[in-house]
Amino acid sequence: MVASAVTADRIRLTGRLLHLCAISPKCDSVSGMSGPSPRSILLLAGILVLGGVLATVVANIDRGVPESAVEVDGPMPSIDRRALKGSRVSPDHFSGRVALVNFWASWCGPCRQEQPGLERLSRELGGRGVEFVGINFMDDRAAALAYLDEFGVTYPSVADREGTLAHRFGVPYLPATVLVDARGEMRYRFAGAQTETTLRKYLTQLLEERPS
């Protein structure tokens, strides 16, 4: 989201510079200058900058949501709460297993974007030693339950209405995902909606690291 806003600001700024140079006679006449005119230099620079920005935008569109993995460390904070649906989630759920902890809310648009992929991954990797759990952040219970029904989420989610778990996991904004290795150590944190391909790559790596 931040990257998109910065890109838009750069495009607008470049456009204004090109427009001002095109209409201002001062771009052509600066005392004592020789060689290419200031107007032509500024126009060329603006075109190059704008082209670079647009190329970046196109590249990000082509590859979907950019990877944003941050390496983290430290033991996984304890999750010991009753699930929104089903039984209680406790530390025993994660013992000896790789874990994916996803922070979401029913009012979060990007959460809705990545939720179908998370559900597919949970069905694909759940039997291979990956434990999925959702953390519903500061949400209305009825809206959260409707979200789970809408997307057919089969793995458990717990409520974090006060934001305590989000703080302990170092979540910057939603959606956010933290991957934990089989020893219970946090390894990667992702901010923003992620693709199945990205998460599968990191989860597979953690599965391969498990002691035999």
N, C-alpha and C. Protein backbone atom coordinates (compact mmCIF):
# COMPACT_ATOMS: atom_id res chain seq x y z
N MET A 1 0.83 -1.20 0.00
CA MET A 1 0.00 0.00 0.00
C MET A 1 0.86 1.25 0.00
N VAL A 2 1.93 1.24 0.85
CA VAL A 2 2.82 2.39 0.89
C VAL A 2 3.53 2.57 -0.44
N ALA A 3 4.01 1.43 -1.01
CA ALA A 3 4.73 1.49 -2.29
C ALA A 3 3.83 2.06 -3.38
N SER A 4 2.56 1.68 -3.40
CA SER A 4 1.64 2.18 -4.41
C SER A 4 1.44 3.66 -4.27
N ALA A 5 1.32 4.15 -3.03
CA ALA A 5 1.12 5.58 -2.81
C ALA A 5 2.34 6.37 -3.24
N VAL A 6 3.54 5.85 -2.93
CA VAL A 6 4.76 6.54 -3.33
C VAL A 6 4.88 6.59 -4.84
N THR A 7 4.55 5.49 -5.51
CA THR A 7 4.60 5.44 -6.96
C THR A 7 3.67 6.47 -7.57
N ALA A 8 2.45 6.54 -7.05
CA ALA A 8 1.48 7.51 -7.57
C ALA A 8 1.98 8.93 -7.37
N ASP A 9 2.56 9.21 -6.20
CA ASP A 9 3.09 10.55 -5.93
C ASP A 9 4.21 10.90 -6.90
N ARG A 10 5.08 9.93 -7.21
CA ARG A 10 6.18 10.19 -8.13
C ARG A 10 5.67 10.49 -9.53
N ILE A 11 4.66 9.75 -9.95
CA ILE A 11 4.10 9.99 -11.27
C ILE A 11 3.49 11.38 -11.35
N ARG A 12 2.73 11.75 -10.31
CA ARG A 12 2.11 13.09 -10.30
C ARG A 12 3.17 14.18 -10.30
N LEU A 13 4.23 14.01 -9.48
CA LEU A 13 5.29 15.01 -9.40
C LEU A 13 6.02 15.15 -10.73
N THR A 14 6.33 14.03 -11.37
CA THR A 14 7.01 14.07 -12.65
C THR A 14 6.16 14.77 -13.70
N GLY A 15 4.87 14.48 -13.69
CA GLY A 15 3.96 15.14 -14.64
C GLY A 15 3.93 16.63 -14.44
N ARG A 16 3.94 17.07 -13.19
CA ARG A 16 3.93 18.52 -12.92
C ARG A 16 5.21 19.18 -13.40
N LEU A 17 6.35 18.50 -13.17
CA LEU A 17 7.62 19.06 -13.64
C LEU A 17 7.63 19.21 -15.16
N LEU A 18 7.16 18.16 -15.87
CA LEU A 18 7.13 18.23 -17.32
C LEU A 18 6.21 19.35 -17.80
N HIS A 19 5.07 19.50 -17.14
CA HIS A 19 4.13 20.53 -17.53
C HIS A 19 4.70 21.93 -17.30
N LEU A 20 5.33 22.13 -16.13
CA LEU A 20 5.89 23.44 -15.82
C LEU A 20 7.00 23.81 -16.79
N CYS A 21 7.83 22.86 -17.15
CA CYS A 21 8.91 23.14 -18.07
C CYS A 21 8.38 23.46 -19.47
N ALA A 22 7.32 22.76 -19.84
CA ALA A 22 6.77 22.98 -21.18
C ALA A 22 6.17 24.37 -21.34
N ILE A 23 5.62 24.93 -20.26
CA ILE A 23 4.95 26.23 -20.38
C ILE A 23 5.82 27.39 -19.94
N SER A 24 6.98 27.12 -19.32
CA SER A 24 7.80 28.20 -18.79
C SER A 24 8.93 28.55 -19.75
N PRO A 25 9.02 29.81 -20.19
CA PRO A 25 10.12 30.21 -21.07
C PRO A 25 11.46 30.17 -20.36
N LYS A 26 11.47 30.20 -19.02
CA LYS A 26 12.72 30.21 -18.28
C LYS A 26 13.49 28.91 -18.44
N CYS A 27 12.79 27.86 -18.87
CA CYS A 27 13.48 26.59 -19.07
C CYS A 27 14.46 26.69 -20.22
N ASP A 28 14.23 27.63 -21.16
CA ASP A 28 15.09 27.75 -22.33
C ASP A 28 16.20 28.76 -22.15
N SER A 29 16.09 29.66 -21.21
CA SER A 29 17.06 30.75 -21.14
C SER A 29 17.58 30.93 -19.74
N VAL A 30 18.75 30.33 -19.48
CA VAL A 30 19.46 30.56 -18.24
C VAL A 30 20.81 31.14 -18.60
N SER A 31 21.10 32.34 -18.07
CA SER A 31 22.30 33.07 -18.48
C SER A 31 23.56 32.26 -18.25
N GLY A 32 24.43 32.25 -19.30
CA GLY A 32 25.75 31.66 -19.18
C GLY A 32 25.79 30.17 -19.46
N MET A 33 24.65 29.53 -19.76
CA MET A 33 24.66 28.09 -20.01
C MET A 33 24.89 27.80 -21.47
N SER A 34 25.62 26.73 -21.75
CA SER A 34 25.84 26.30 -23.12
C SER A 34 25.47 24.84 -23.24
N GLY A 35 25.41 24.33 -24.47
CA GLY A 35 25.04 22.94 -24.68
C GLY A 35 23.54 22.79 -24.69
N PRO A 36 23.04 21.59 -24.37
CA PRO A 36 21.60 21.34 -24.41
C PRO A 36 20.87 22.30 -23.50
N SER A 37 19.70 22.72 -23.92
CA SER A 37 18.92 23.68 -23.13
C SER A 37 18.42 23.03 -21.86
N PRO A 38 18.21 23.83 -20.80
CA PRO A 38 17.66 23.28 -19.56
C PRO A 38 16.33 22.59 -19.78
N ARG A 39 15.52 23.15 -20.73
CA ARG A 39 14.22 22.51 -20.98
C ARG A 39 14.41 21.08 -21.48
N SER A 40 15.30 20.89 -22.45
CA SER A 40 15.48 19.55 -23.00
C SER A 40 16.04 18.59 -21.96
N ILE A 41 16.93 19.09 -21.10
CA ILE A 41 17.51 18.24 -20.06
C ILE A 41 16.43 17.80 -19.08
N LEU A 42 15.60 18.77 -18.66
CA LEU A 42 14.56 18.46 -17.69
C LEU A 42 13.52 17.52 -18.28
N LEU A 43 13.17 17.77 -19.55
CA LEU A 43 12.20 16.89 -20.20
C LEU A 43 12.73 15.46 -20.29
N LEU A 44 14.03 15.33 -20.68
CA LEU A 44 14.62 14.00 -20.78
C LEU A 44 14.67 13.31 -19.43
N ALA A 45 15.06 14.06 -18.40
CA ALA A 45 15.12 13.47 -17.06
C ALA A 45 13.74 13.03 -16.60
N GLY A 46 12.75 13.87 -16.89
CA GLY A 46 11.39 13.52 -16.49
C GLY A 46 10.90 12.27 -17.19
N ILE A 47 11.19 12.16 -18.48
CA ILE A 47 10.77 10.98 -19.23
C ILE A 47 11.43 9.72 -18.69
N LEU A 48 12.74 9.82 -18.36
CA LEU A 48 13.45 8.67 -17.84
C LEU A 48 12.89 8.23 -16.48
N VAL A 49 12.62 9.22 -15.61
CA VAL A 49 12.07 8.90 -14.30
C VAL A 49 10.70 8.26 -14.43
N LEU A 50 9.85 8.88 -15.27
CA LEU A 50 8.50 8.37 -15.46
C LEU A 50 8.55 6.96 -16.05
N GLY A 51 9.45 6.73 -17.00
CA GLY A 51 9.57 5.41 -17.59
C GLY A 51 10.00 4.37 -16.57
N GLY A 52 10.93 4.76 -15.69
CA GLY A 52 11.37 3.83 -14.66
C GLY A 52 10.27 3.49 -13.69
N VAL A 53 9.50 4.50 -13.30
CA VAL A 53 8.39 4.26 -12.36
C VAL A 53 7.36 3.34 -12.98
N LEU A 54 7.00 3.62 -14.25
CA LEU A 54 6.00 2.79 -14.92
C LEU A 54 6.50 1.36 -15.09
N ALA A 55 7.80 1.20 -15.38
CA ALA A 55 8.35 -0.14 -15.52
C ALA A 55 8.24 -0.91 -14.21
N THR A 56 8.47 -0.22 -13.09
CA THR A 56 8.35 -0.85 -11.78
C THR A 56 6.93 -1.28 -11.51
N VAL A 57 5.98 -0.41 -11.85
CA VAL A 57 4.57 -0.74 -11.65
C VAL A 57 4.19 -1.97 -12.45
N VAL A 58 4.60 -2.01 -13.73
CA VAL A 58 4.27 -3.14 -14.59
C VAL A 58 4.90 -4.42 -14.06
N ALA A 59 6.15 -4.32 -13.58
CA ALA A 59 6.82 -5.51 -13.05
C ALA A 59 6.08 -6.06 -11.85
N ASN A 60 5.62 -5.17 -10.95
CA ASN A 60 4.88 -5.62 -9.78
C ASN A 60 3.55 -6.25 -10.16
N ILE A 61 2.89 -5.71 -11.18
CA ILE A 61 1.63 -6.28 -11.63
C ILE A 61 1.87 -7.67 -12.20
N ASP A 62 2.96 -7.82 -12.97
CA ASP A 62 3.26 -9.10 -13.61
C ASP A 62 3.52 -10.20 -12.61
N ARG A 63 4.16 -9.86 -11.51
CA ARG A 63 4.52 -10.91 -10.56
C ARG A 63 3.56 -10.98 -9.38
N GLY A 64 2.48 -10.22 -9.44
CA GLY A 64 1.50 -10.25 -8.37
C GLY A 64 2.00 -9.46 -7.17
N VAL A 65 1.59 -9.86 -5.96
CA VAL A 65 1.99 -9.15 -4.76
C VAL A 65 3.47 -9.39 -4.51
N PRO A 66 4.29 -8.35 -4.34
CA PRO A 66 5.72 -8.56 -4.13
C PRO A 66 6.00 -9.25 -2.81
N GLU A 67 7.06 -10.04 -2.80
CA GLU A 67 7.49 -10.69 -1.58
C GLU A 67 7.92 -9.64 -0.58
N SER A 68 7.57 -9.85 0.69
CA SER A 68 7.99 -8.89 1.71
C SER A 68 8.42 -9.62 2.96
N ALA A 69 9.18 -10.71 2.80
CA ALA A 69 9.62 -11.51 3.95
C ALA A 69 10.68 -10.77 4.74
N VAL A 70 10.49 -10.73 6.05
CA VAL A 70 11.48 -10.16 6.96
C VAL A 70 11.91 -11.27 7.91
N GLU A 71 13.20 -11.49 8.02
CA GLU A 71 13.69 -12.51 8.94
C GLU A 71 13.51 -12.03 10.37
N VAL A 72 12.94 -12.89 11.20
CA VAL A 72 12.73 -12.58 12.62
C VAL A 72 13.27 -13.73 13.44
N ASP A 73 13.36 -13.52 14.74
CA ASP A 73 13.81 -14.61 15.60
C ASP A 73 13.10 -14.52 16.94
N GLY A 74 13.40 -15.46 17.80
CA GLY A 74 12.75 -15.53 19.10
C GLY A 74 11.67 -16.59 19.12
N PRO A 75 11.36 -17.09 20.31
CA PRO A 75 10.34 -18.13 20.42
C PRO A 75 8.95 -17.60 20.04
N MET A 76 8.15 -18.46 19.50
CA MET A 76 6.79 -18.09 19.13
C MET A 76 6.00 -17.74 20.39
N PRO A 77 5.37 -16.56 20.42
CA PRO A 77 4.53 -16.22 21.57
C PRO A 77 3.42 -17.25 21.77
N SER A 78 3.08 -17.50 23.00
CA SER A 78 2.07 -18.52 23.31
C SER A 78 0.69 -18.09 22.81
N ILE A 79 0.01 -19.03 22.18
CA ILE A 79 -1.39 -18.86 21.80
C ILE A 79 -2.19 -19.89 22.56
N ASP A 80 -3.00 -19.44 23.50
CA ASP A 80 -3.79 -20.34 24.33
C ASP A 80 -5.16 -19.71 24.54
N ARG A 81 -6.03 -19.87 23.54
CA ARG A 81 -7.35 -19.25 23.55
C ARG A 81 -8.36 -20.18 22.87
N ARG A 82 -9.61 -19.96 23.22
CA ARG A 82 -10.67 -20.71 22.56
C ARG A 82 -10.84 -20.22 21.14
N ALA A 83 -10.97 -21.14 20.21
CA ALA A 83 -11.15 -20.78 18.81
C ALA A 83 -12.54 -20.17 18.60
N LEU A 84 -12.62 -19.32 17.57
CA LEU A 84 -13.92 -18.76 17.22
C LEU A 84 -14.91 -19.86 16.87
N LYS A 85 -14.39 -20.92 16.27
CA LYS A 85 -15.19 -22.12 15.97
C LYS A 85 -14.39 -23.33 16.43
N GLY A 86 -15.05 -24.24 17.11
CA GLY A 86 -14.35 -25.45 17.50
C GLY A 86 -13.72 -25.35 18.88
N SER A 87 -12.68 -26.19 19.09
CA SER A 87 -12.07 -26.32 20.41
C SER A 87 -11.02 -25.24 20.65
N ARG A 88 -10.35 -25.37 21.77
CA ARG A 88 -9.34 -24.42 22.17
C ARG A 88 -8.03 -24.61 21.39
N VAL A 89 -7.34 -23.51 21.10
CA VAL A 89 -6.01 -23.56 20.49
C VAL A 89 -5.00 -23.37 21.61
N SER A 90 -4.05 -24.29 21.71
CA SER A 90 -3.06 -24.24 22.78
C SER A 90 -1.67 -24.49 22.19
N PRO A 91 -0.62 -24.24 22.97
CA PRO A 91 0.74 -24.47 22.47
C PRO A 91 0.98 -25.89 21.98
N ASP A 92 0.22 -26.86 22.51
CA ASP A 92 0.39 -28.25 22.09
C ASP A 92 0.10 -28.45 20.60
N HIS A 93 -0.75 -27.58 20.03
CA HIS A 93 -1.08 -27.69 18.61
C HIS A 93 0.16 -27.55 17.72
N PHE A 94 1.15 -26.82 18.21
CA PHE A 94 2.29 -26.45 17.37
C PHE A 94 3.55 -27.26 17.68
N SER A 95 3.50 -28.11 18.68
CA SER A 95 4.68 -28.84 19.10
C SER A 95 5.23 -29.72 17.97
N GLY A 96 6.48 -29.47 17.60
CA GLY A 96 7.15 -30.26 16.57
C GLY A 96 6.65 -30.03 15.16
N ARG A 97 5.84 -28.99 14.97
CA ARG A 97 5.29 -28.71 13.64
C ARG A 97 5.67 -27.31 13.19
N VAL A 98 5.78 -27.14 11.89
CA VAL A 98 5.93 -25.80 11.31
C VAL A 98 4.58 -25.10 11.45
N ALA A 99 4.60 -23.81 11.74
CA ALA A 99 3.35 -23.09 11.96
C ALA A 99 3.26 -21.85 11.06
N LEU A 100 2.05 -21.61 10.56
CA LEU A 100 1.73 -20.37 9.85
C LEU A 100 0.68 -19.65 10.67
N VAL A 101 1.02 -18.46 11.14
CA VAL A 101 0.12 -17.65 11.96
C VAL A 101 -0.28 -16.43 11.13
N ASN A 102 -1.57 -16.34 10.80
CA ASN A 102 -2.06 -15.27 9.93
C ASN A 102 -2.98 -14.33 10.69
N PHE A 103 -2.65 -13.04 10.65
CA PHE A 103 -3.46 -12.01 11.31
C PHE A 103 -4.40 -11.39 10.28
N TRP A 104 -5.69 -11.36 10.61
CA TRP A 104 -6.70 -10.92 9.65
C TRP A 104 -7.86 -10.24 10.36
N ALA A 105 -8.72 -9.61 9.57
CA ALA A 105 -9.95 -9.02 10.08
C ALA A 105 -10.98 -9.01 8.95
N SER A 106 -12.24 -9.07 9.32
CA SER A 106 -13.29 -9.10 8.30
C SER A 106 -13.37 -7.80 7.52
N TRP A 107 -12.90 -6.70 8.14
CA TRP A 107 -12.96 -5.38 7.49
C TRP A 107 -11.72 -5.08 6.65
N CYS A 108 -10.81 -6.04 6.56
CA CYS A 108 -9.54 -5.85 5.84
C CYS A 108 -9.64 -6.40 4.42
N GLY A 109 -9.63 -5.51 3.42
CA GLY A 109 -9.74 -5.91 2.02
C GLY A 109 -8.65 -6.86 1.57
N PRO A 110 -7.36 -6.55 1.81
CA PRO A 110 -6.29 -7.46 1.40
C PRO A 110 -6.37 -8.82 2.08
N CYS A 111 -6.94 -8.87 3.29
CA CYS A 111 -7.13 -10.17 3.96
C CYS A 111 -8.06 -11.05 3.14
N ARG A 112 -9.11 -10.44 2.61
CA ARG A 112 -10.05 -11.17 1.77
C ARG A 112 -9.37 -11.63 0.48
N GLN A 113 -8.44 -10.83 0.00
CA GLN A 113 -7.72 -11.18 -1.23
C GLN A 113 -6.88 -12.44 -1.06
N GLU A 114 -6.21 -12.58 0.09
CA GLU A 114 -5.31 -13.71 0.26
C GLU A 114 -5.95 -14.93 0.93
N GLN A 115 -7.16 -14.76 1.51
CA GLN A 115 -7.75 -15.86 2.27
C GLN A 115 -7.98 -17.15 1.47
N PRO A 116 -8.50 -17.08 0.24
CA PRO A 116 -8.68 -18.34 -0.51
C PRO A 116 -7.37 -19.10 -0.69
N GLY A 117 -6.28 -18.39 -0.93
CA GLY A 117 -4.99 -19.05 -1.09
C GLY A 117 -4.51 -19.69 0.20
N LEU A 118 -4.75 -19.03 1.32
CA LEU A 118 -4.37 -19.61 2.61
C LEU A 118 -5.13 -20.90 2.88
N GLU A 119 -6.41 -20.90 2.57
CA GLU A 119 -7.20 -22.11 2.78
C GLU A 119 -6.70 -23.26 1.90
N ARG A 120 -6.37 -22.95 0.65
CA ARG A 120 -5.84 -24.00 -0.23
C ARG A 120 -4.51 -24.54 0.29
N LEU A 121 -3.66 -23.65 0.77
CA LEU A 121 -2.38 -24.09 1.32
C LEU A 121 -2.56 -24.96 2.56
N SER A 122 -3.51 -24.60 3.40
CA SER A 122 -3.73 -25.38 4.62
C SER A 122 -4.17 -26.79 4.28
N ARG A 123 -4.97 -26.94 3.24
CA ARG A 123 -5.41 -28.27 2.83
C ARG A 123 -4.26 -29.05 2.17
N GLU A 124 -3.39 -28.31 1.51
CA GLU A 124 -2.26 -28.95 0.82
C GLU A 124 -1.16 -29.38 1.78
N LEU A 125 -0.86 -28.52 2.76
CA LEU A 125 0.31 -28.75 3.61
C LEU A 125 -0.02 -29.18 5.04
N GLY A 126 -1.30 -29.13 5.39
CA GLY A 126 -1.67 -29.52 6.74
C GLY A 126 -1.28 -30.95 7.07
N GLY A 127 -1.39 -31.83 6.10
CA GLY A 127 -1.03 -33.21 6.31
C GLY A 127 0.46 -33.49 6.25
N ARG A 128 1.22 -32.47 5.91
CA ARG A 128 2.68 -32.63 5.80
C ARG A 128 3.43 -32.02 6.98
N GLY A 129 2.68 -31.56 7.97
CA GLY A 129 3.35 -31.07 9.17
C GLY A 129 3.30 -29.56 9.36
N VAL A 130 2.37 -28.88 8.69
CA VAL A 130 2.22 -27.43 8.88
C VAL A 130 0.91 -27.15 9.61
N GLU A 131 1.00 -26.43 10.71
CA GLU A 131 -0.18 -26.06 11.48
C GLU A 131 -0.56 -24.62 11.15
N PHE A 132 -1.79 -24.42 10.70
CA PHE A 132 -2.29 -23.09 10.37
C PHE A 132 -3.18 -22.59 11.50
N VAL A 133 -3.04 -21.30 11.81
CA VAL A 133 -3.94 -20.68 12.79
C VAL A 133 -4.15 -19.22 12.39
N GLY A 134 -5.37 -18.76 12.49
CA GLY A 134 -5.69 -17.36 12.21
C GLY A 134 -5.85 -16.59 13.49
N ILE A 135 -5.44 -15.32 13.46
CA ILE A 135 -5.62 -14.42 14.60
C ILE A 135 -6.52 -13.28 14.12
N ASN A 136 -7.74 -13.26 14.63
CA ASN A 136 -8.72 -12.25 14.22
C ASN A 136 -8.52 -10.99 15.04
N PHE A 137 -8.05 -9.93 14.38
CA PHE A 137 -7.59 -8.73 15.06
C PHE A 137 -8.70 -7.69 15.22
N MET A 138 -9.01 -7.35 16.49
CA MET A 138 -9.92 -6.25 16.83
C MET A 138 -11.15 -6.22 15.94
N ASP A 139 -11.89 -7.30 15.95
CA ASP A 139 -13.01 -7.46 15.04
C ASP A 139 -14.29 -7.75 15.81
N ASP A 140 -15.41 -7.55 15.15
CA ASP A 140 -16.70 -7.95 15.69
C ASP A 140 -16.86 -9.46 15.53
N ARG A 141 -17.29 -10.12 16.58
CA ARG A 141 -17.36 -11.59 16.55
C ARG A 141 -18.29 -12.08 15.44
N ALA A 142 -19.45 -11.48 15.32
CA ALA A 142 -20.40 -11.92 14.29
C ALA A 142 -19.82 -11.74 12.90
N ALA A 143 -19.14 -10.61 12.66
CA ALA A 143 -18.53 -10.36 11.35
C ALA A 143 -17.40 -11.34 11.10
N ALA A 144 -16.64 -11.68 12.15
CA ALA A 144 -15.54 -12.64 11.99
C ALA A 144 -16.08 -14.04 11.65
N LEU A 145 -17.14 -14.44 12.31
CA LEU A 145 -17.73 -15.75 12.03
C LEU A 145 -18.30 -15.81 10.61
N ALA A 146 -18.90 -14.70 10.17
CA ALA A 146 -19.43 -14.64 8.80
C ALA A 146 -18.31 -14.75 7.78
N TYR A 147 -17.16 -14.13 8.08
CA TYR A 147 -15.98 -14.19 7.21
C TYR A 147 -15.51 -15.64 7.07
N LEU A 148 -15.41 -16.34 8.20
CA LEU A 148 -14.96 -17.74 8.17
C LEU A 148 -15.91 -18.61 7.35
N ASP A 149 -17.20 -18.35 7.48
CA ASP A 149 -18.18 -19.10 6.70
C ASP A 149 -18.08 -18.76 5.21
N GLU A 150 -17.90 -17.47 4.92
CA GLU A 150 -17.83 -17.02 3.52
C GLU A 150 -16.70 -17.69 2.77
N PHE A 151 -15.54 -17.82 3.42
CA PHE A 151 -14.36 -18.37 2.75
C PHE A 151 -14.14 -19.85 3.06
N GLY A 152 -15.04 -20.45 3.83
CA GLY A 152 -14.91 -21.88 4.13
C GLY A 152 -13.61 -22.23 4.82
N VAL A 153 -13.20 -21.41 5.78
CA VAL A 153 -11.92 -21.62 6.47
C VAL A 153 -12.04 -22.82 7.40
N THR A 154 -11.16 -23.80 7.21
CA THR A 154 -11.22 -25.03 7.99
C THR A 154 -10.24 -25.07 9.16
N TYR A 155 -9.22 -24.22 9.14
CA TYR A 155 -8.27 -24.20 10.27
C TYR A 155 -8.77 -23.22 11.32
N PRO A 156 -8.32 -23.36 12.57
CA PRO A 156 -8.86 -22.54 13.66
C PRO A 156 -8.38 -21.08 13.62
N SER A 157 -9.23 -20.21 14.14
CA SER A 157 -8.87 -18.81 14.36
C SER A 157 -9.28 -18.43 15.77
N VAL A 158 -8.46 -17.60 16.40
CA VAL A 158 -8.79 -17.09 17.73
C VAL A 158 -8.93 -15.58 17.66
N ALA A 159 -9.66 -15.01 18.61
CA ALA A 159 -9.89 -13.57 18.64
C ALA A 159 -8.76 -12.86 19.38
N ASP A 160 -8.37 -11.71 18.85
CA ASP A 160 -7.36 -10.85 19.49
C ASP A 160 -7.96 -9.44 19.56
N ARG A 161 -9.03 -9.31 20.34
CA ARG A 161 -9.78 -8.05 20.35
C ARG A 161 -9.00 -6.90 20.96
N GLU A 162 -8.08 -7.20 21.87
CA GLU A 162 -7.30 -6.16 22.52
C GLU A 162 -5.97 -5.89 21.81
N GLY A 163 -5.61 -6.71 20.83
CA GLY A 163 -4.37 -6.52 20.07
C GLY A 163 -3.12 -7.04 20.76
N THR A 164 -3.28 -7.82 21.80
CA THR A 164 -2.12 -8.32 22.55
C THR A 164 -1.25 -9.24 21.71
N LEU A 165 -1.88 -10.18 21.02
CA LEU A 165 -1.10 -11.11 20.21
C LEU A 165 -0.40 -10.41 19.05
N ALA A 166 -1.10 -9.46 18.43
CA ALA A 166 -0.49 -8.71 17.33
C ALA A 166 0.77 -8.00 17.82
N HIS A 167 0.71 -7.44 19.01
CA HIS A 167 1.88 -6.75 19.58
C HIS A 167 3.01 -7.73 19.83
N ARG A 168 2.69 -8.89 20.39
CA ARG A 168 3.74 -9.86 20.72
C ARG A 168 4.41 -10.42 19.48
N PHE A 169 3.65 -10.55 18.40
CA PHE A 169 4.21 -11.07 17.15
C PHE A 169 4.85 -9.96 16.30
N GLY A 170 4.76 -8.71 16.73
CA GLY A 170 5.37 -7.61 15.99
C GLY A 170 4.68 -7.30 14.68
N VAL A 171 3.35 -7.40 14.67
CA VAL A 171 2.58 -7.18 13.44
C VAL A 171 2.48 -5.68 13.14
N PRO A 172 2.91 -5.23 11.94
CA PRO A 172 2.86 -3.80 11.61
C PRO A 172 1.50 -3.36 11.08
N TYR A 173 0.86 -4.20 10.26
CA TYR A 173 -0.47 -3.92 9.72
C TYR A 173 -1.04 -5.20 9.13
N LEU A 174 -2.31 -5.14 8.73
CA LEU A 174 -2.99 -6.33 8.21
C LEU A 174 -3.02 -6.35 6.69
N PRO A 175 -3.07 -7.56 6.11
CA PRO A 175 -2.82 -8.83 6.78
C PRO A 175 -1.34 -9.01 7.08
N ALA A 176 -1.05 -9.86 8.02
CA ALA A 176 0.34 -10.18 8.35
C ALA A 176 0.42 -11.67 8.63
N THR A 177 1.55 -12.26 8.26
CA THR A 177 1.75 -13.70 8.44
C THR A 177 3.12 -13.95 9.04
N VAL A 178 3.17 -14.78 10.06
CA VAL A 178 4.43 -15.16 10.70
C VAL A 178 4.62 -16.67 10.53
N LEU A 179 5.80 -17.07 10.07
CA LEU A 179 6.13 -18.49 9.91
C LEU A 179 7.07 -18.91 11.03
N VAL A 180 6.77 -20.05 11.61
CA VAL A 180 7.51 -20.57 12.76
C VAL A 180 8.05 -21.95 12.41
N ASP A 181 9.30 -22.22 12.78
CA ASP A 181 9.87 -23.52 12.44
C ASP A 181 9.44 -24.58 13.46
N ALA A 182 9.85 -25.83 13.21
CA ALA A 182 9.40 -26.95 14.04
C ALA A 182 9.97 -26.90 15.45
N ARG A 183 10.97 -26.07 15.68
CA ARG A 183 11.54 -25.91 17.03
C ARG A 183 10.80 -24.84 17.83
N GLY A 184 9.82 -24.21 17.18
CA GLY A 184 9.05 -23.17 17.87
C GLY A 184 9.67 -21.80 17.78
N GLU A 185 10.62 -21.62 16.86
CA GLU A 185 11.28 -20.32 16.69
C GLU A 185 10.67 -19.56 15.51
N MET A 186 10.33 -18.30 15.72
CA MET A 186 9.84 -17.47 14.62
C MET A 186 10.96 -17.25 13.61
N ARG A 187 10.62 -17.35 12.32
CA ARG A 187 11.65 -17.24 11.28
C ARG A 187 11.37 -16.12 10.27
N TYR A 188 10.12 -15.99 9.83
CA TYR A 188 9.80 -14.98 8.81
C TYR A 188 8.48 -14.29 9.15
N ARG A 189 8.45 -12.99 8.84
CA ARG A 189 7.21 -12.24 8.97
C ARG A 189 6.92 -11.54 7.65
N PHE A 190 5.68 -11.61 7.21
CA PHE A 190 5.22 -10.99 5.98
C PHE A 190 4.16 -9.94 6.31
N ALA A 191 4.27 -8.77 5.72
CA ALA A 191 3.25 -7.74 5.87
C ALA A 191 2.57 -7.52 4.53
N GLY A 192 1.26 -7.56 4.52
CA GLY A 192 0.53 -7.43 3.27
C GLY A 192 0.12 -8.79 2.73
N ALA A 193 -0.85 -8.79 1.83
CA ALA A 193 -1.34 -10.04 1.25
C ALA A 193 -0.23 -10.73 0.45
N GLN A 194 -0.10 -12.03 0.65
CA GLN A 194 0.94 -12.81 -0.03
C GLN A 194 0.32 -13.85 -0.96
N THR A 195 1.11 -14.25 -1.94
CA THR A 195 0.64 -15.27 -2.88
C THR A 195 0.89 -16.67 -2.30
N GLU A 196 0.15 -17.63 -2.81
CA GLU A 196 0.38 -19.02 -2.42
C GLU A 196 1.81 -19.45 -2.74
N THR A 197 2.30 -19.01 -3.90
CA THR A 197 3.65 -19.40 -4.33
C THR A 197 4.70 -18.96 -3.33
N THR A 198 4.59 -17.73 -2.87
CA THR A 198 5.56 -17.20 -1.92
C THR A 198 5.52 -17.97 -0.61
N LEU A 199 4.34 -18.13 -0.04
CA LEU A 199 4.23 -18.82 1.24
C LEU A 199 4.62 -20.29 1.13
N ARG A 200 4.25 -20.93 0.03
CA ARG A 200 4.62 -22.33 -0.15
C ARG A 200 6.15 -22.49 -0.17
N LYS A 201 6.83 -21.57 -0.82
CA LYS A 201 8.29 -21.65 -0.91
C LYS A 201 8.93 -21.63 0.49
N TYR A 202 8.49 -20.71 1.33
CA TYR A 202 9.09 -20.59 2.66
C TYR A 202 8.65 -21.73 3.58
N LEU A 203 7.41 -22.15 3.46
CA LEU A 203 6.95 -23.28 4.27
C LEU A 203 7.68 -24.57 3.89
N THR A 204 7.89 -24.78 2.61
CA THR A 204 8.62 -25.97 2.16
C THR A 204 10.04 -25.96 2.71
N GLN A 205 10.65 -24.78 2.71
CA GLN A 205 12.00 -24.66 3.26
C GLN A 205 12.03 -25.07 4.73
N LEU A 206 11.05 -24.58 5.49
CA LEU A 206 11.01 -24.90 6.93
C LEU A 206 10.71 -26.38 7.16
N LEU A 207 9.88 -26.97 6.30
CA LEU A 207 9.60 -28.40 6.42
C LEU A 207 10.86 -29.22 6.17
N GLU A 208 11.67 -28.80 5.23
CA GLU A 208 12.90 -29.53 4.90
C GLU A 208 13.94 -29.41 5.99
N GLU A 209 13.82 -28.39 6.83
CA GLU A 209 14.78 -28.19 7.92
C GLU A 209 14.46 -29.01 9.16
N ARG A 210 13.29 -29.62 9.18
CA ARG A 210 12.90 -30.37 10.37
C ARG A 210 13.89 -31.51 10.65
N PRO A 211 14.20 -31.73 11.92
CA PRO A 211 15.10 -32.85 12.25
C PRO A 211 14.45 -34.17 11.87
N SER A 212 15.25 -35.06 11.32
CA SER A 212 14.72 -36.35 10.87
C SER A 212 14.59 -37.33 12.04
